[in-house]
Amino acid sequence: MNIKFVVIKIFLLLFFTNIIKANDTIPEPIQNLGKDTVRVQVGFYNQKQIYHYIKKGETAFSIARFYGMTIEQLYYSNPRIENTSLKIGQRLTIPIISGMIVRSKKKGFRSSDHIPVLYQVKKKETLYTIGRKYFKMSVELLKKRNSLEGNELEVGQWLQVGWIHKDGIPKDLRQSMGKYPQVKAMSENLRWQYFKQKGRSYFDQGAASWQSKDRAVRKTSLYALHRKAKIGSILQVENPMNGEILYVKVLGRIPKSGYSTDVVVVLPPIVAKALGAIDPKFFVKIKYIR
């Protein structure tokens, strides 16, 4: 055998072995977690999403119906499938909010009617982070549900955080997320931070502009520019014409040039659209911290 070939083979083996070690864990395939389980992920600003792997006989309509979505919402979350055929094993992203997960066994609960929802522990996460911050449940309940005696967790460990009904997610829970489910899901988590803020609250109203020339605002969906609010704080933005409310994080100040004095907040287009905006400027009411 060629010695040069053997050396290269050993080098590649060691290289990929080190990559695996650096990642601490390779996520276990969903198929190995049990046939009747659902895996939930937590992303930017605690945005939650379920990974659905397409099975034989499923269609875009049946999947959308199971998760309480319209077909438009499913396509919005998975644009690559809109004009193509679904394939068995293909992964779809389903945005959810914490309220869609059953987190406690109330009167009449039957395990046979529900599918366990699992979450995989990542680096530096604790029981408090996963329980209180991500899924709004007590540490004690999370430990009891997973038969944990201590507080130590391992990277890659799977924890059960709740259930969803075997018939899917009710439509009334999904309807509150509107046409832009990712924006609504992320806003729901910022809402929790908004009410925990310290400082004096102020009220403002005026025009919101969403024809932003600021690259940072265009690239991030839940950020905004404001004249007075504390940088890094959370704003409550309401469109009084339809009652829609979203929560956004203050990225910076509105530039003195380029925006008229009646503009009180600059929003990314996707946030403005989720609030129901049609015109380049629309009236909003704002609550903020200074």
Protein backbone atom coordinates (compact mmCIF):
# COMPACT_ATOMS: atom_id res chain seq x y z
CA MET A 1 0.00 0.00 0.00
CA ASN A 2 1.24 3.50 -0.83
CA ILE A 3 2.75 5.06 2.34
CA LYS A 4 1.68 8.55 1.25
CA PHE A 5 -1.92 7.35 0.92
CA VAL A 6 -1.85 5.78 4.42
CA VAL A 7 -0.52 9.02 5.98
CA ILE A 8 -3.24 11.09 4.33
CA LYS A 9 -5.92 8.62 5.47
CA ILE A 10 -4.69 8.77 9.10
CA PHE A 11 -4.57 12.60 8.96
CA LEU A 12 -8.16 12.83 7.71
CA LEU A 13 -9.35 10.38 10.38
CA LEU A 14 -7.74 12.43 13.17
CA PHE A 15 -9.03 15.68 11.66
CA PHE A 16 -12.67 14.61 11.64
CA THR A 17 -12.36 12.98 15.06
CA ASN A 18 -11.23 16.33 16.50
CA ILE A 19 -14.16 18.10 14.85
CA ILE A 20 -16.57 15.72 16.52
CA LYS A 21 -14.92 16.26 19.92
CA ALA A 22 -15.00 20.03 19.48
CA ASN A 23 -18.75 19.92 18.98
CA ASP A 24 -19.18 17.92 22.22
CA THR A 25 -22.02 15.93 20.81
CA ILE A 26 -23.62 14.89 17.56
CA PRO A 27 -27.39 15.45 17.83
CA GLU A 28 -29.13 12.13 18.02
CA PRO A 29 -31.35 11.46 15.00
CA ILE A 30 -35.02 12.08 15.76
CA GLN A 31 -35.80 8.49 14.79
CA ASN A 32 -33.70 7.21 17.73
CA LEU A 33 -35.64 9.24 20.29
CA GLY A 34 -38.75 7.15 19.96
CA LYS A 35 -41.38 7.07 17.26
CA ASP A 36 -43.83 9.28 19.11
CA THR A 37 -41.70 12.23 20.19
CA VAL A 38 -41.32 15.82 19.03
CA ARG A 39 -38.03 17.72 19.20
CA VAL A 40 -38.10 21.45 19.95
CA GLN A 41 -35.25 23.91 19.35
CA VAL A 42 -34.67 27.33 20.91
CA GLY A 43 -32.98 29.98 18.82
CA PHE A 44 -32.41 33.73 18.68
CA TYR A 45 -34.31 35.55 21.47
CA ASN A 46 -35.76 32.26 22.69
CA GLN A 47 -37.62 31.73 19.45
CA LYS A 48 -38.96 28.17 19.51
CA GLN A 49 -39.42 25.86 16.59
CA ILE A 50 -40.25 22.24 16.01
CA TYR A 51 -38.44 20.18 13.39
CA HIS A 52 -40.97 18.05 11.54
CA TYR A 53 -39.67 15.18 9.41
CA ILE A 54 -42.04 14.31 6.58
CA LYS A 55 -43.54 10.83 6.68
CA LYS A 56 -45.14 8.72 3.99
CA GLY A 57 -48.61 9.96 3.06
CA GLU A 58 -48.19 13.45 4.52
CA THR A 59 -48.92 16.53 2.44
CA ALA A 60 -48.28 20.22 2.98
CA PHE A 61 -51.98 20.64 3.79
CA SER A 62 -52.08 17.80 6.35
CA ILE A 63 -48.91 19.07 8.07
CA ALA A 64 -50.22 22.64 8.17
CA ARG A 65 -53.54 21.44 9.60
CA PHE A 66 -51.81 19.37 12.31
CA TYR A 67 -49.85 22.38 13.55
CA GLY A 68 -52.84 24.74 13.34
CA MET A 69 -51.30 26.67 10.45
CA THR A 70 -52.60 27.91 7.15
CA ILE A 71 -50.79 26.68 4.07
CA GLU A 72 -49.47 30.23 3.61
CA GLN A 73 -47.91 30.16 7.10
CA LEU A 74 -46.24 26.82 6.36
CA TYR A 75 -44.81 28.18 3.10
CA TYR A 76 -43.67 31.36 4.83
CA SER A 77 -41.67 29.29 7.34
CA ASN A 78 -40.44 26.88 4.64
CA PRO A 79 -40.27 28.81 1.35
CA ARG A 80 -38.26 26.09 -0.40
CA ILE A 81 -41.27 23.70 -0.47
CA GLU A 82 -43.81 26.08 -2.00
CA ASN A 83 -43.22 25.06 -5.61
CA THR A 84 -41.72 21.60 -5.12
CA SER A 85 -42.89 18.13 -4.13
CA LEU A 86 -42.38 17.00 -0.53
CA LYS A 87 -39.89 14.21 0.10
CA ILE A 88 -40.02 11.58 2.85
CA GLY A 89 -37.52 12.49 5.57
CA GLN A 90 -37.37 16.13 4.51
CA ARG A 91 -37.18 18.52 7.48
CA LEU A 92 -39.66 21.34 7.95
CA THR A 93 -39.43 24.18 10.46
CA ILE A 94 -42.56 24.88 12.51
CA PRO A 95 -42.41 28.06 14.66
CA ILE A 96 -44.25 27.82 17.98
CA ILE A 97 -44.68 29.76 21.21
CA SER A 98 -44.48 28.31 24.72
CA GLY A 99 -48.27 28.27 25.09
CA MET A 100 -48.53 25.63 22.39
CA ILE A 101 -46.70 23.13 24.61
CA VAL A 102 -48.70 21.46 27.38
CA ARG A 103 -46.37 21.91 30.37
CA SER A 104 -48.37 20.33 33.20
CA LYS A 105 -50.83 17.51 33.67
CA LYS A 106 -54.13 19.16 34.45
CA LYS A 107 -57.43 17.47 35.26
CA GLY A 108 -58.44 15.07 32.49
CA PHE A 109 -54.93 14.79 31.04
CA ARG A 110 -54.28 11.44 29.35
CA SER A 111 -50.75 10.47 28.35
CA SER A 112 -52.08 8.29 25.54
CA ASP A 113 -53.55 11.40 23.90
CA HIS A 114 -50.30 13.35 23.94
CA ILE A 115 -46.85 13.26 22.31
CA PRO A 116 -43.78 14.08 24.48
CA VAL A 117 -41.84 17.22 23.53
CA LEU A 118 -38.06 16.91 24.02
CA TYR A 119 -35.28 19.49 24.21
CA GLN A 120 -31.54 18.79 23.84
CA VAL A 121 -29.18 20.48 26.32
CA LYS A 122 -26.52 22.78 24.83
CA LYS A 123 -23.30 24.31 26.21
CA LYS A 124 -23.62 26.44 29.37
CA GLU A 125 -27.36 25.77 29.74
CA THR A 126 -28.75 25.09 33.19
CA LEU A 127 -32.02 23.79 34.56
CA TYR A 128 -32.99 27.40 35.30
CA THR A 129 -32.21 28.51 31.73
CA ILE A 130 -34.20 25.70 30.17
CA GLY A 131 -37.05 25.64 32.67
CA ARG A 132 -37.68 29.26 33.59
CA LYS A 133 -36.25 31.19 30.64
CA TYR A 134 -37.12 28.93 27.72
CA PHE A 135 -40.28 27.09 28.72
CA LYS A 136 -41.75 29.11 31.63
CA MET A 137 -41.81 26.19 34.07
CA SER A 138 -40.25 25.71 37.49
CA VAL A 139 -36.91 23.98 37.95
CA GLU A 140 -38.56 21.58 40.40
CA LEU A 141 -41.15 20.51 37.81
CA LEU A 142 -38.47 20.04 35.13
CA LYS A 143 -36.39 17.88 37.47
CA LYS A 144 -39.37 15.79 38.54
CA ARG A 145 -40.51 15.21 34.97
CA ASN A 146 -37.07 13.93 34.00
CA SER A 147 -36.33 12.02 37.24
CA LEU A 148 -33.30 14.20 38.01
CA GLU A 149 -31.87 14.14 41.53
CA GLY A 150 -29.20 16.83 41.14
CA ASN A 151 -28.82 20.02 39.12
CA GLU A 152 -26.06 18.84 36.77
CA LEU A 153 -26.77 18.53 33.06
CA GLU A 154 -24.71 17.07 30.21
CA VAL A 155 -24.36 18.57 26.75
CA GLY A 156 -26.50 16.51 24.40
CA GLN A 157 -28.82 15.27 27.16
CA TRP A 158 -32.52 15.13 26.23
CA LEU A 159 -35.12 16.60 28.58
CA GLN A 160 -38.85 16.31 28.32
CA VAL A 161 -40.35 19.80 28.60
CA GLY A 162 -43.99 18.96 27.92
CA TRP A 163 -46.39 17.50 25.38
CA ILE A 164 -48.48 18.39 22.37
CA HIS A 165 -51.81 16.70 21.70
CA LYS A 166 -51.70 13.83 19.22
CA ASP A 167 -54.35 15.67 17.18
CA GLY A 168 -52.01 18.64 16.82
CA ILE A 169 -52.00 22.30 17.84
CA PRO A 170 -55.43 24.01 18.07
CA LYS A 171 -56.05 26.72 15.49
CA ASP A 172 -56.99 29.32 18.10
CA LEU A 173 -53.46 29.16 19.57
CA ARG A 174 -51.91 29.62 16.14
CA GLN A 175 -54.21 32.45 15.03
CA SER A 176 -52.61 34.89 17.47
CA MET A 177 -49.35 34.56 15.49
CA GLY A 178 -50.92 35.96 12.32
CA LYS A 179 -49.29 35.85 8.90
CA TYR A 180 -45.75 36.27 10.25
CA PRO A 181 -45.28 33.41 12.75
CA GLN A 182 -41.52 33.87 13.32
CA VAL A 183 -41.94 37.56 14.12
CA LYS A 184 -44.84 36.86 16.49
CA ALA A 185 -42.96 34.02 18.20
CA MET A 186 -39.86 36.16 18.75
CA SER A 187 -41.98 39.07 19.93
CA GLU A 188 -43.68 36.82 22.47
CA ASN A 189 -40.32 36.16 24.10
CA LEU A 190 -39.31 39.84 24.04
CA ARG A 191 -42.63 40.58 25.75
CA TRP A 192 -41.43 38.61 28.77
CA GLN A 193 -38.26 40.74 28.88
CA TYR A 194 -40.25 43.95 28.44
CA PHE A 195 -42.23 43.45 31.65
CA LYS A 196 -39.08 42.61 33.63
CA GLN A 197 -37.32 45.86 32.70
CA LYS A 198 -36.33 48.33 35.41
CA GLY A 199 -36.71 52.05 34.94
CA ARG A 200 -39.33 54.68 34.36
CA SER A 201 -41.91 54.00 31.66
CA TYR A 202 -42.79 56.61 29.03
CA PHE A 203 -45.48 56.88 26.37
CA ASP A 204 -44.99 58.13 22.83
CA GLN A 205 -47.05 58.23 19.66
CA GLY A 206 -46.55 59.31 16.08
CA ALA A 207 -45.40 57.91 12.78
CA ALA A 208 -43.48 54.68 12.33
CA SER A 209 -41.27 54.47 9.27
CA TRP A 210 -40.27 51.17 7.72
CA GLN A 211 -38.44 52.26 4.63
CA SER A 212 -35.21 51.94 6.58
CA LYS A 213 -31.85 52.64 4.94
CA ASP A 214 -30.01 51.33 7.98
CA ARG A 215 -28.40 47.95 7.11
CA ALA A 216 -28.42 46.74 10.73
CA VAL A 217 -32.16 47.33 11.00
CA ARG A 218 -32.86 45.64 7.67
CA LYS A 219 -30.91 42.51 8.62
CA THR A 220 -32.44 41.99 12.07
CA SER A 221 -36.16 41.41 12.40
CA LEU A 222 -36.87 42.51 15.98
CA TYR A 223 -34.80 45.69 16.26
CA ALA A 224 -35.78 49.36 16.00
CA LEU A 225 -34.42 52.89 16.13
CA HIS A 226 -35.87 55.39 18.64
CA ARG A 227 -34.98 58.95 19.70
CA LYS A 228 -35.06 58.57 23.49
CA ALA A 229 -35.47 54.96 24.65
CA LYS A 230 -32.58 53.28 26.44
CA ILE A 231 -30.31 51.42 24.00
CA GLY A 232 -30.83 47.70 24.44
CA SER A 233 -34.24 48.10 26.09
CA ILE A 234 -37.48 46.64 24.76
CA LEU A 235 -40.21 48.79 23.14
CA GLN A 236 -43.89 47.97 23.00
CA VAL A 237 -45.22 49.08 19.59
CA GLU A 238 -48.96 49.11 18.92
CA ASN A 239 -50.89 49.75 15.74
CA PRO A 240 -54.15 51.21 17.19
CA MET A 241 -55.94 50.71 13.87
CA ASN A 242 -56.02 46.93 14.32
CA GLY A 243 -54.81 46.37 17.90
CA GLU A 244 -51.65 44.51 16.82
CA ILE A 245 -48.81 44.75 19.35
CA LEU A 246 -45.17 43.71 18.91
CA TYR A 247 -42.08 44.00 21.10
CA VAL A 248 -38.76 45.12 19.61
CA LYS A 249 -35.27 45.84 20.91
CA VAL A 250 -33.78 49.34 20.59
CA LEU A 251 -30.69 49.16 18.40
CA GLY A 252 -29.86 52.86 18.20
CA ARG A 253 -31.06 56.41 17.56
CA ILE A 254 -33.07 57.70 14.62
CA PRO A 255 -30.67 59.68 12.38
CA LYS A 256 -31.24 63.43 12.37
CA SER A 257 -31.20 63.47 8.58
CA GLY A 258 -33.41 61.29 6.43
CA TYR A 259 -36.45 61.17 8.72
CA SER A 260 -39.06 63.85 9.43
CA THR A 261 -39.73 64.97 13.02
CA ASP A 262 -43.09 63.17 13.14
CA VAL A 263 -41.29 59.78 12.94
CA VAL A 264 -41.03 58.33 16.47
CA VAL A 265 -39.68 54.90 15.55
CA VAL A 266 -37.97 53.20 12.61
CA LEU A 267 -38.85 49.54 12.10
CA PRO A 268 -37.64 46.78 9.77
CA PRO A 269 -40.15 46.12 6.94
CA ILE A 270 -41.08 42.67 8.26
CA VAL A 271 -42.07 44.10 11.67
CA ALA A 272 -44.11 46.86 10.05
CA LYS A 273 -45.90 44.32 7.86
CA ALA A 274 -46.61 42.09 10.88
CA LEU A 275 -48.20 45.14 12.52
CA GLY A 276 -50.44 45.54 9.47
CA ALA A 277 -48.68 48.49 7.84
CA ILE A 278 -49.50 49.32 4.22
CA ASP A 279 -48.13 52.83 3.74
CA PRO A 280 -44.43 53.77 4.15
CA LYS A 281 -45.42 55.61 7.35
CA PHE A 282 -48.22 54.63 9.73
CA PHE A 283 -49.46 55.75 13.15
CA VAL A 284 -48.28 53.86 16.24
CA LYS A 285 -48.37 54.10 20.03
CA ILE A 286 -45.19 53.23 21.94
CA LYS A 287 -44.26 52.42 25.52
CA TYR A 288 -40.57 52.51 26.41
CA ILE A 289 -37.99 52.73 29.22
CA ARG A 290 -35.40 55.50 29.72
